[in-house]
C-alpha atoms as a PDB file:
ATOM      1  CA  MET A   1       0.000   0.000   0.000  1.00  0.00           C
ATOM      2  CA  SER A   2       1.413   3.412  -0.993  1.00  0.00           C
ATOM      3  CA  LYS A   3       1.104   6.476   1.197  1.00  0.00           C
ATOM      4  CA  GLU A   4       2.605   9.861   1.908  1.00  0.00           C
ATOM      5  CA  VAL A   5       5.348   9.997   4.539  1.00  0.00           C
ATOM      6  CA  GLU A   6       6.774  13.128   6.131  1.00  0.00           C
ATOM      7  CA  VAL A   7      10.486  13.961   6.009  1.00  0.00           C
ATOM      8  CA  SER A   8      11.816  16.320   8.642  1.00  0.00           C
ATOM      9  CA  CYS A   9      15.109  17.691   9.861  1.00  0.00           C
ATOM     10  CA  ARG A  10      16.059  17.233  13.521  1.00  0.00           C
ATOM     11  CA  CYS A  11      14.711  20.632  14.642  1.00  0.00           C
ATOM     12  CA  GLY A  12      11.601  20.547  12.408  1.00  0.00           C
ATOM     13  CA  GLU A  13      12.407  23.739  10.491  1.00  0.00           C
ATOM     14  CA  VAL A  14      12.596  21.823   7.173  1.00  0.00           C
ATOM     15  CA  ARG A  15       9.745  19.501   6.250  1.00  0.00           C
ATOM     16  CA  GLY A  16       8.876  17.529   3.188  1.00  0.00           C
ATOM     17  CA  VAL A  17       6.671  14.726   1.941  1.00  0.00           C
ATOM     18  CA  VAL A  18       7.475  11.569  -0.011  1.00  0.00           C
ATOM     19  CA  ALA A  19       4.479  10.442  -2.063  1.00  0.00           C
ATOM     20  CA  ASN A  20       3.825   6.821  -3.016  1.00  0.00           C
ATOM     21  CA  ALA A  21       5.938   5.484  -0.162  1.00  0.00           C
ATOM     22  CA  SER A  22       6.065   1.698  -0.175  1.00  0.00           C
ATOM     23  CA  PRO A  23       8.693  -1.040  -0.442  1.00  0.00           C
ATOM     24  CA  ARG A  24       7.827  -1.421  -4.157  1.00  0.00           C
ATOM     25  CA  LYS A  25       8.503   2.258  -4.904  1.00  0.00           C
ATOM     26  CA  VAL A  26      11.812   2.737  -3.078  1.00  0.00           C
ATOM     27  CA  ASN A  27      15.139   1.051  -2.507  1.00  0.00           C
ATOM     28  CA  ARG A  28      16.578   0.821   0.953  1.00  0.00           C
ATOM     29  CA  VAL A  29      20.240  -0.009   1.412  1.00  0.00           C
ATOM     30  CA  VAL A  30      22.914   0.510   4.022  1.00  0.00           C
ATOM     31  CA  CYS A  31      25.891   2.352   2.525  1.00  0.00           C
ATOM     32  CA  TYR A  32      29.314   2.018   4.157  1.00  0.00           C
ATOM     33  CA  CYS A  33      31.222   4.318   1.787  1.00  0.00           C
ATOM     34  CA  ASP A  34      33.825   6.651   3.184  1.00  0.00           C
ATOM     35  CA  ASP A  35      32.002   9.660   1.661  1.00  0.00           C
ATOM     36  CA  CYS A  36      28.779   8.944   3.594  1.00  0.00           C
ATOM     37  CA  GLN A  37      30.839   8.583   6.759  1.00  0.00           C
ATOM     38  CA  ALA A  38      32.813  11.782   6.073  1.00  0.00           C
ATOM     39  CA  PHE A  39      29.625  13.724   5.294  1.00  0.00           C
ATOM     40  CA  ALA A  40      27.941  12.650   8.545  1.00  0.00           C
ATOM     41  CA  HIS A  41      31.030  13.615  10.550  1.00  0.00           C
ATOM     42  CA  GLN A  42      31.440  16.937   8.704  1.00  0.00           C
ATOM     43  CA  LEU A  43      27.880  17.827   9.737  1.00  0.00           C
ATOM     44  CA  GLY A  44      28.533  16.692  13.306  1.00  0.00           C
ATOM     45  CA  ARG A  45      25.984  13.912  12.794  1.00  0.00           C
ATOM     46  CA  GLY A  46      27.984  10.764  13.435  1.00  0.00           C
ATOM     47  CA  ASP A  47      24.914   9.647  15.402  1.00  0.00           C
ATOM     48  CA  LEU A  48      23.290   8.755  12.064  1.00  0.00           C
ATOM     49  CA  LEU A  49      25.876   6.029  11.355  1.00  0.00           C
ATOM     50  CA  ASN A  50      25.544   2.480  12.635  1.00  0.00           C
ATOM     51  CA  ALA A  51      28.339   0.846  14.657  1.00  0.00           C
ATOM     52  CA  GLN A  52      30.185  -0.149  11.453  1.00  0.00           C
ATOM     53  CA  GLY A  53      29.862   3.310   9.878  1.00  0.00           C
ATOM     54  CA  GLY A  54      26.853   2.485   7.691  1.00  0.00           C
ATOM     55  CA  THR A  55      24.177   4.944   6.652  1.00  0.00           C
ATOM     56  CA  ASP A  56      20.632   3.617   6.207  1.00  0.00           C
ATOM     57  CA  ILE A  57      19.554   5.167   2.880  1.00  0.00           C
ATOM     58  CA  ILE A  58      16.107   5.145   1.313  1.00  0.00           C
ATOM     59  CA  GLN A  59      16.284   5.909  -2.406  1.00  0.00           C
ATOM     60  CA  VAL A  60      13.223   7.587  -3.906  1.00  0.00           C
ATOM     61  CA  ALA A  61      12.353   9.006  -7.306  1.00  0.00           C
ATOM     62  CA  PRO A  62      12.888  12.782  -7.412  1.00  0.00           C
ATOM     63  CA  ALA A  63       9.275  13.358  -8.475  1.00  0.00           C
ATOM     64  CA  SER A  64       8.035  11.759  -5.252  1.00  0.00           C
ATOM     65  CA  LEU A  65       9.815  14.205  -2.878  1.00  0.00           C
ATOM     66  CA  THR A  66       8.421  17.673  -2.185  1.00  0.00           C
ATOM     67  CA  PHE A  67       9.735  20.052   0.466  1.00  0.00           C
ATOM     68  CA  VAL A  68       6.836  22.001   1.947  1.00  0.00           C
ATOM     69  CA  ARG A  69       8.647  24.142   4.500  1.00  0.00           C
ATOM     70  CA  GLY A  70      12.138  25.535   5.023  1.00  0.00           C
ATOM     71  CA  GLN A  71      13.412  25.171   1.462  1.00  0.00           C
ATOM     72  CA  HIS A  72      15.642  28.225   2.017  1.00  0.00           C
ATOM     73  CA  ARG A  73      17.469  26.235   4.727  1.00  0.00           C
ATOM     74  CA  ILE A  74      18.628  23.493   2.339  1.00  0.00           C
ATOM     75  CA  ALA A  75      22.236  23.676   1.179  1.00  0.00           C
ATOM     76  CA  GLY A  76      24.358  21.351  -0.906  1.00  0.00           C
ATOM     77  CA  LEU A  77      27.965  20.344  -1.246  1.00  0.00           C
ATOM     78  CA  ARG A  78      30.228  17.778  -2.870  1.00  0.00           C
ATOM     79  CA  LEU A  79      33.115  16.168  -1.041  1.00  0.00           C
ATOM     80  CA  SER A  80      35.010  15.726  -4.317  1.00  0.00           C
ATOM     81  CA  SER A  81      34.664  17.012  -7.857  1.00  0.00           C
ATOM     82  CA  LYS A  82      33.006  13.760  -8.994  1.00  0.00           C
ATOM     83  CA  GLY A  83      31.248  12.888  -5.746  1.00  0.00           C
ATOM     84  CA  LEU A  84      27.560  12.838  -4.942  1.00  0.00           C
ATOM     85  CA  PHE A  85      25.657  16.055  -4.463  1.00  0.00           C
ATOM     86  CA  ARG A  86      24.874  15.969  -0.742  1.00  0.00           C
ATOM     87  CA  TRP A  87      22.028  18.080   0.620  1.00  0.00           C
ATOM     88  CA  HIS A  88      21.609  19.112   4.251  1.00  0.00           C
ATOM     89  CA  THR A  89      19.786  21.656   6.355  1.00  0.00           C
ATOM     90  CA  THR A  90      21.600  24.740   7.602  1.00  0.00           C
ATOM     91  CA  CYS A  91      19.403  25.010  10.695  1.00  0.00           C
ATOM     92  CA  CYS A  92      20.475  21.746  12.397  1.00  0.00           C
ATOM     93  CA  ASN A  93      22.824  19.986   9.938  1.00  0.00           C
ATOM     94  CA  THR A  94      20.460  17.143   9.107  1.00  0.00           C
ATOM     95  CA  PRO A  95      21.273  15.353   5.837  1.00  0.00           C
ATOM     96  CA  VAL A  96      18.138  15.434   3.674  1.00  0.00           C
ATOM     97  CA  GLY A  97      19.314  13.780   0.480  1.00  0.00           C
ATOM     98  CA  ASN A  98      22.038  12.835  -1.918  1.00  0.00           C
ATOM     99  CA  THR A  99      21.914  12.733  -5.679  1.00  0.00           C
ATOM    100  CA  LEU A 100      24.280  11.566  -8.410  1.00  0.00           C
ATOM    101  CA  GLY A 101      23.071  14.019 -11.026  1.00  0.00           C
ATOM    102  CA  PRO A 102      20.309  14.392 -13.594  1.00  0.00           C
ATOM    103  CA  ALA A 103      21.217  11.197 -15.450  1.00  0.00           C
ATOM    104  CA  ILE A 104      20.603   8.944 -12.426  1.00  0.00           C
ATOM    105  CA  PRO A 105      17.049   9.540 -11.177  1.00  0.00           C
ATOM    106  CA  PHE A 106      17.070   9.036  -7.431  1.00  0.00           C
ATOM    107  CA  ILE A 107      17.459  10.889  -4.173  1.00  0.00           C
ATOM    108  CA  GLY A 108      18.946   8.962  -1.270  1.00  0.00           C
ATOM    109  CA  ILE A 109      17.413  10.066   2.026  1.00  0.00           C
ATOM    110  CA  VAL A 110      18.850   9.047   5.404  1.00  0.00           C
ATOM    111  CA  ALA A 111      16.204   6.839   7.031  1.00  0.00           C
ATOM    112  CA  GLN A 112      16.271   8.816  10.290  1.00  0.00           C
ATOM    113  CA  ALA A 113      14.894  11.860   8.419  1.00  0.00           C
ATOM    114  CA  PHE A 114      11.554  10.033   8.173  1.00  0.00           C
ATOM    115  CA  ASP A 115      10.874   9.074  11.762  1.00  0.00           C
ATOM    116  CA  SER A 116      12.758   8.433  14.961  1.00  0.00           C
ATOM    117  CA  ASN A 117      10.993   5.071  15.282  1.00  0.00           C
ATOM    118  CA  PRO A 118      12.868   2.417  13.238  1.00  0.00           C
ATOM    119  CA  GLN A 119       9.889   0.023  13.353  1.00  0.00           C
ATOM    120  CA  ARG A 120       7.675   2.633  11.665  1.00  0.00           C
ATOM    121  CA  VAL A 121      10.259   3.230   8.941  1.00  0.00           C
ATOM    122  CA  ASP A 122      10.506  -0.549   8.414  1.00  0.00           C
ATOM    123  CA  SER A 123       6.725  -0.871   8.186  1.00  0.00           C
ATOM    124  CA  VAL A 124       6.502   1.813   5.479  1.00  0.00           C
ATOM    125  CA  PHE A 125       9.596   1.067   3.394  1.00  0.00           C
ATOM    126  CA  GLY A 126      10.536  -2.492   4.354  1.00  0.00           C
ATOM    127  CA  ALA A 127      13.895  -3.507   5.780  1.00  0.00           C
ATOM    128  CA  PRO A 128      17.109  -2.682   3.887  1.00  0.00           C
ATOM    129  CA  ILE A 129      17.478  -5.003   0.886  1.00  0.00           C
ATOM    130  CA  GLY A 130      21.257  -5.013   1.005  1.00  0.00           C
ATOM    131  CA  ALA A 131      24.478  -3.276   1.913  1.00  0.00           C
ATOM    132  CA  ILE A 132      27.004  -1.611  -0.364  1.00  0.00           C
ATOM    133  CA  LEU A 133      30.648  -0.546  -0.219  1.00  0.00           C
ATOM    134  CA  GLY A 134      31.354  -2.666   2.838  1.00  0.00           C
ATOM    135  CA  GLN A 135      35.088  -2.439   2.211  1.00  0.00           C
ATOM    136  CA  TYR A 136      34.857   0.959   3.966  1.00  0.00           C
ATOM    137  CA  ALA A 137      33.035  -0.418   7.013  1.00  0.00           C
ATOM    138  CA  ILE A 138      34.540   0.026  10.445  1.00  0.00           C
ATOM    139  CA  GLY A 139      35.694  -3.416  11.499  1.00  0.00           C
ATOM    140  CA  GLU A 140      34.497  -6.455   9.573  1.00  0.00           C
ATOM    141  CA  ALA A 141      32.557  -5.816   6.364  1.00  0.00           C
ATOM    142  CA  PRO A 142      28.921  -6.967   6.448  1.00  0.00           C
ATOM    143  CA  THR A 143      28.297 -10.163   4.483  1.00  0.00           C
ATOM    144  CA  GLY A 144      27.696  -9.546   0.783  1.00  0.00           C
ATOM    145  CA  SER A 145      28.590  -5.843   0.908  1.00  0.00           C
ATOM    146  CA  THR A 146      31.994  -5.760  -0.773  1.00  0.00           C
ATOM    147  CA  GLY A 147      31.365  -7.099  -4.290  1.00  0.00           C
ATOM    148  CA  ILE A 148      28.974  -6.070  -7.006  1.00  0.00           C
ATOM    149  CA  ASN A 149      25.551  -7.418  -6.107  1.00  0.00           C
ATOM    150  CA  LEU A 150      23.923  -7.507  -9.548  1.00  0.00           C
ATOM    151  CA  SER A 151      20.464  -8.393  -8.237  1.00  0.00           C
ATOM    152  CA  LEU A 152      20.577  -5.385  -5.888  1.00  0.00           C
ATOM    153  CA  VAL A 153      21.726  -3.099  -8.726  1.00  0.00           C
ATOM    154  CA  LEU A 154      18.989  -4.405 -11.035  1.00  0.00           C
ATOM    155  CA  LEU A 155      16.272  -4.042  -8.414  1.00  0.00           C
ATOM    156  CA  SER A 156      17.437  -0.548  -7.435  1.00  0.00           C
ATOM    157  CA  THR A 157      17.606   0.677 -11.003  1.00  0.00           C
ATOM    158  CA  LEU A 158      14.217  -0.687 -12.028  1.00  0.00           C
ATOM    159  CA  ASN A 159      12.291   0.347  -8.900  1.00  0.00           C
ATOM    160  CA  VAL A 160      13.386   3.972  -8.947  1.00  0.00           C
ATOM    161  CA  ALA A 161      13.567   4.391 -12.740  1.00  0.00           C
ATOM    162  CA  CYS A 162      10.046   3.065 -13.226  1.00  0.00           C
ATOM    163  CA  ASP A 163       8.654   5.369 -10.551  1.00  0.00           C
ATOM    164  CA  GLY A 164      10.801   8.372 -11.487  1.00  0.00           C
ATOM    165  CA  PHE A 165       9.865   8.355 -15.138  1.00  0.00           C
ATOM    166  CA  ALA A 166       6.309   7.069 -14.784  1.00  0.00           C
ATOM    167  CA  ILE A 167       7.207   4.036 -16.898  1.00  0.00           C
ATOM    168  CA  THR A 168       4.748   1.195 -16.635  1.00  0.00           C
ATOM    169  CA  CYS A 169       6.680  -1.732 -15.213  1.00  0.00           C
ATOM    170  CA  ALA A 170       5.579  -5.090 -13.981  1.00  0.00           C
ATOM    171  CA  PRO A 171       6.241  -5.429 -10.236  1.00  0.00           C
ATOM    172  CA  ILE A 172       9.524  -7.137  -9.436  1.00  0.00           C
ATOM    173  CA  GLU A 173       9.426  -9.634  -6.634  1.00  0.00           C
ATOM    174  CA  ARG A 174      12.441  -9.287  -4.351  1.00  0.00           C
ATOM    175  CA  SER A 175      12.358 -13.011  -3.627  1.00  0.00           C
ATOM    176  CA  SER A 176      12.800 -13.884  -7.309  1.00  0.00           C
ATOM    177  CA  LEU A 177      15.906 -11.707  -7.543  1.00  0.00           C
ATOM    178  CA  LYS A 178      17.371 -13.344  -4.454  1.00  0.00           C
ATOM    179  CA  ARG A 179      16.927 -16.731  -6.116  1.00  0.00           C
ATOM    180  CA  ALA A 180      18.400 -15.576  -9.418  1.00  0.00           C
ATOM    181  CA  ASN A 181      21.896 -16.805 -10.109  1.00  0.00           C
ATOM    182  CA  LEU A 182      23.327 -13.518 -11.345  1.00  0.00           C
ATOM    183  CA  ARG A 183      27.101 -13.384 -11.488  1.00  0.00           C
ATOM    184  CA  SER A 184      29.431 -10.762 -12.842  1.00  0.00           C
ATOM    185  CA  SER A 185      31.955 -11.679 -15.523  1.00  0.00           C
ATOM    186  CA  SER A 186      34.717 -11.732 -12.900  1.00  0.00           C
ATOM    187  CA  ASP A 187      32.801 -14.452 -10.996  1.00  0.00           C
ATOM    188  CA  ARG A 188      32.496 -16.736 -14.010  1.00  0.00           C
ATOM    189  CA  PRO A 189      35.053 -19.463 -14.641  1.00  0.00           C
ATOM    190  CA  PRO A 190      37.238 -18.965 -17.734  1.00  0.00           C
ATOM    191  CA  PRO A 191      35.947 -20.634 -20.947  1.00  0.00           C
END
């Protein structure tokens, strides 16, 4: 079931709404990249990282996110010339989104921007479907987070692209992708 879900910064000065919120319309992953970790620490928001340095990200189509209050308090930066565009509030340094650019249609929102209750976030968006860039994790990398997970990439691309461009797509069952034997060329034995 799809619904609208409020996004808010820590102090409440910036508010937004994500329309069509459901596990079928978003991707939810935990990102362990060093940029996500550096961004959280630069904002003084290391509290948003899990014990291994992961950031719980919910990726939505840009058309589904609307800020309804405090737009003038949103600022952006890039940690490197080719890095993500990272958006945060200037009132309380809450990260409110990251984007790759116009060619890749998604906004990654830190899960804590939706609600302080993790069970509510899980009930709306589902649990994270995977972890990425685990080689940057603090301590041991989470299982399955260091290689290219083709089923996760496929699911992420199709879910957000279909919603972001209003393409009619048949629903993709997460369980069928988990069963799929998708391997990258580096995983295949030589001919």
